[in-house]
Amino acid sequence: MNINEYLKSNPFPAPRIRCRDGFIMSVQVSKCHYCTPRNNIGPWTHVEVGFPSQKEDLLMEYAEDPDHPTETVYGYVPVEIVMAVIEKHGGAVSP
């Protein structure tokens, strides 16, 4: 899964990404999200991740509220980190 292709093929809001082990997270981009570039066109180097189903250490340095890791957003997360999270959890599966 290429995160840029996923975001371009899923209109806003993009469906939550589900991983093989059950981990779920929202990944969003637009002129209103914490992403780079802040537009609806991409390609994006950084994206906004939100409300993961469990604490994920790879994301924690980007947490807006690290005390509540499943109830917060993670701004400007490099796409490489998002891909590493997906791989760590067994890859993405269809909803």
Protein backbone atom coordinates (compact mmCIF):
# COMPACT_ATOMS: atom_id res chain seq x y z
CA MET A 1 0.00 0.00 0.00
CA ASN A 2 1.31 3.43 -0.97
CA ILE A 3 -0.20 6.04 1.35
CA ASN A 4 -0.29 8.75 -1.35
CA GLU A 5 -2.16 6.45 -3.74
CA TYR A 6 -4.56 5.46 -0.95
CA LEU A 7 -5.34 9.09 -0.12
CA LYS A 8 -5.79 10.10 -3.75
CA SER A 9 -8.17 7.20 -4.40
CA ASN A 10 -10.31 7.83 -1.29
CA PRO A 11 -12.12 11.15 -1.16
CA PHE A 12 -12.17 13.14 2.07
CA PRO A 13 -12.69 11.84 4.58
CA ALA A 14 -10.62 8.79 3.75
CA PRO A 15 -11.80 5.58 5.43
CA ARG A 16 -9.85 4.48 8.47
CA ILE A 17 -6.96 2.15 7.69
CA ARG A 18 -7.41 -1.32 9.16
CA CYS A 19 -4.43 -3.59 9.66
CA ARG A 20 -4.25 -7.37 9.69
CA ASP A 21 -3.77 -7.52 13.48
CA GLY A 22 -6.81 -5.30 14.16
CA PHE A 23 -4.98 -1.98 14.57
CA ILE A 24 -6.99 0.92 13.10
CA MET A 25 -6.06 4.56 12.45
CA SER A 26 -7.36 7.51 10.50
CA VAL A 27 -5.03 9.11 7.95
CA GLN A 28 -6.21 12.40 6.42
CA VAL A 29 -4.90 15.20 4.19
CA SER A 30 -6.36 18.49 2.99
CA LYS A 31 -5.82 22.21 3.33
CA CYS A 32 -7.42 21.89 6.78
CA HIS A 33 -5.26 19.02 8.10
CA TYR A 34 -1.79 18.82 9.62
CA CYS A 35 -0.10 17.64 6.43
CA THR A 36 2.58 18.74 3.98
CA PRO A 37 1.69 20.10 1.54
CA ARG A 38 -1.54 21.45 2.99
CA ASN A 39 -3.69 20.81 -0.05
CA ASN A 40 -5.97 18.23 -1.63
CA ILE A 41 -3.57 17.40 -4.46
CA GLY A 42 -0.38 15.95 -2.93
CA PRO A 43 1.88 14.13 -3.14
CA TRP A 44 2.20 14.37 0.62
CA THR A 45 5.37 13.95 2.62
CA HIS A 46 3.61 14.33 5.99
CA VAL A 47 0.03 13.43 6.93
CA GLU A 48 -2.36 13.74 9.85
CA VAL A 49 -3.04 10.54 11.77
CA GLY A 50 -5.89 10.37 14.22
CA PHE A 51 -7.45 8.26 16.90
CA PRO A 52 -5.52 4.99 16.61
CA SER A 53 -7.19 1.98 18.19
CA GLN A 54 -4.25 1.51 20.56
CA LYS A 55 -1.11 3.37 21.60
CA GLU A 56 1.52 3.11 18.88
CA ASP A 57 5.06 4.01 19.93
CA LEU A 58 6.11 4.92 16.37
CA LEU A 59 3.56 7.76 16.42
CA MET A 60 4.00 9.13 19.94
CA GLU A 61 6.45 11.94 19.16
CA TYR A 62 3.75 13.48 16.90
CA ALA A 63 0.89 13.24 19.44
CA GLU A 64 -1.04 16.39 20.18
CA ASP A 65 -2.10 14.88 23.55
CA PRO A 66 0.35 12.12 24.51
CA ASP A 67 -1.55 11.42 27.74
CA HIS A 68 -4.51 10.14 25.68
CA PRO A 69 -2.90 8.33 22.73
CA THR A 70 -6.13 6.84 21.32
CA GLU A 71 -8.12 10.08 21.63
CA THR A 72 -5.84 12.53 19.87
CA VAL A 73 -4.42 13.53 16.50
CA TYR A 74 -0.84 13.21 15.35
CA GLY A 75 0.24 16.09 13.15
CA TYR A 76 2.76 16.14 10.34
CA VAL A 77 3.63 12.45 10.55
CA PRO A 78 6.13 11.49 7.81
CA VAL A 79 4.57 9.05 5.33
CA GLU A 80 7.48 6.69 6.00
CA ILE A 81 6.37 6.42 9.63
CA VAL A 82 2.78 5.71 8.57
CA MET A 83 4.01 2.97 6.26
CA ALA A 84 6.17 1.53 9.06
CA VAL A 85 3.13 1.45 11.38
CA ILE A 86 1.06 -0.35 8.74
CA GLU A 87 3.84 -2.89 8.15
CA LYS A 88 4.36 -3.39 11.90
CA HIS A 89 0.69 -4.33 12.23
CA GLY A 90 0.73 -6.86 9.41
CA GLY A 91 -0.23 -4.65 6.49
CA ALA A 92 -3.53 -3.05 5.52
CA VAL A 93 -6.63 -5.11 4.85
CA SER A 94 -9.78 -4.21 2.97
CA PRO A 95 -12.59 -2.87 5.15
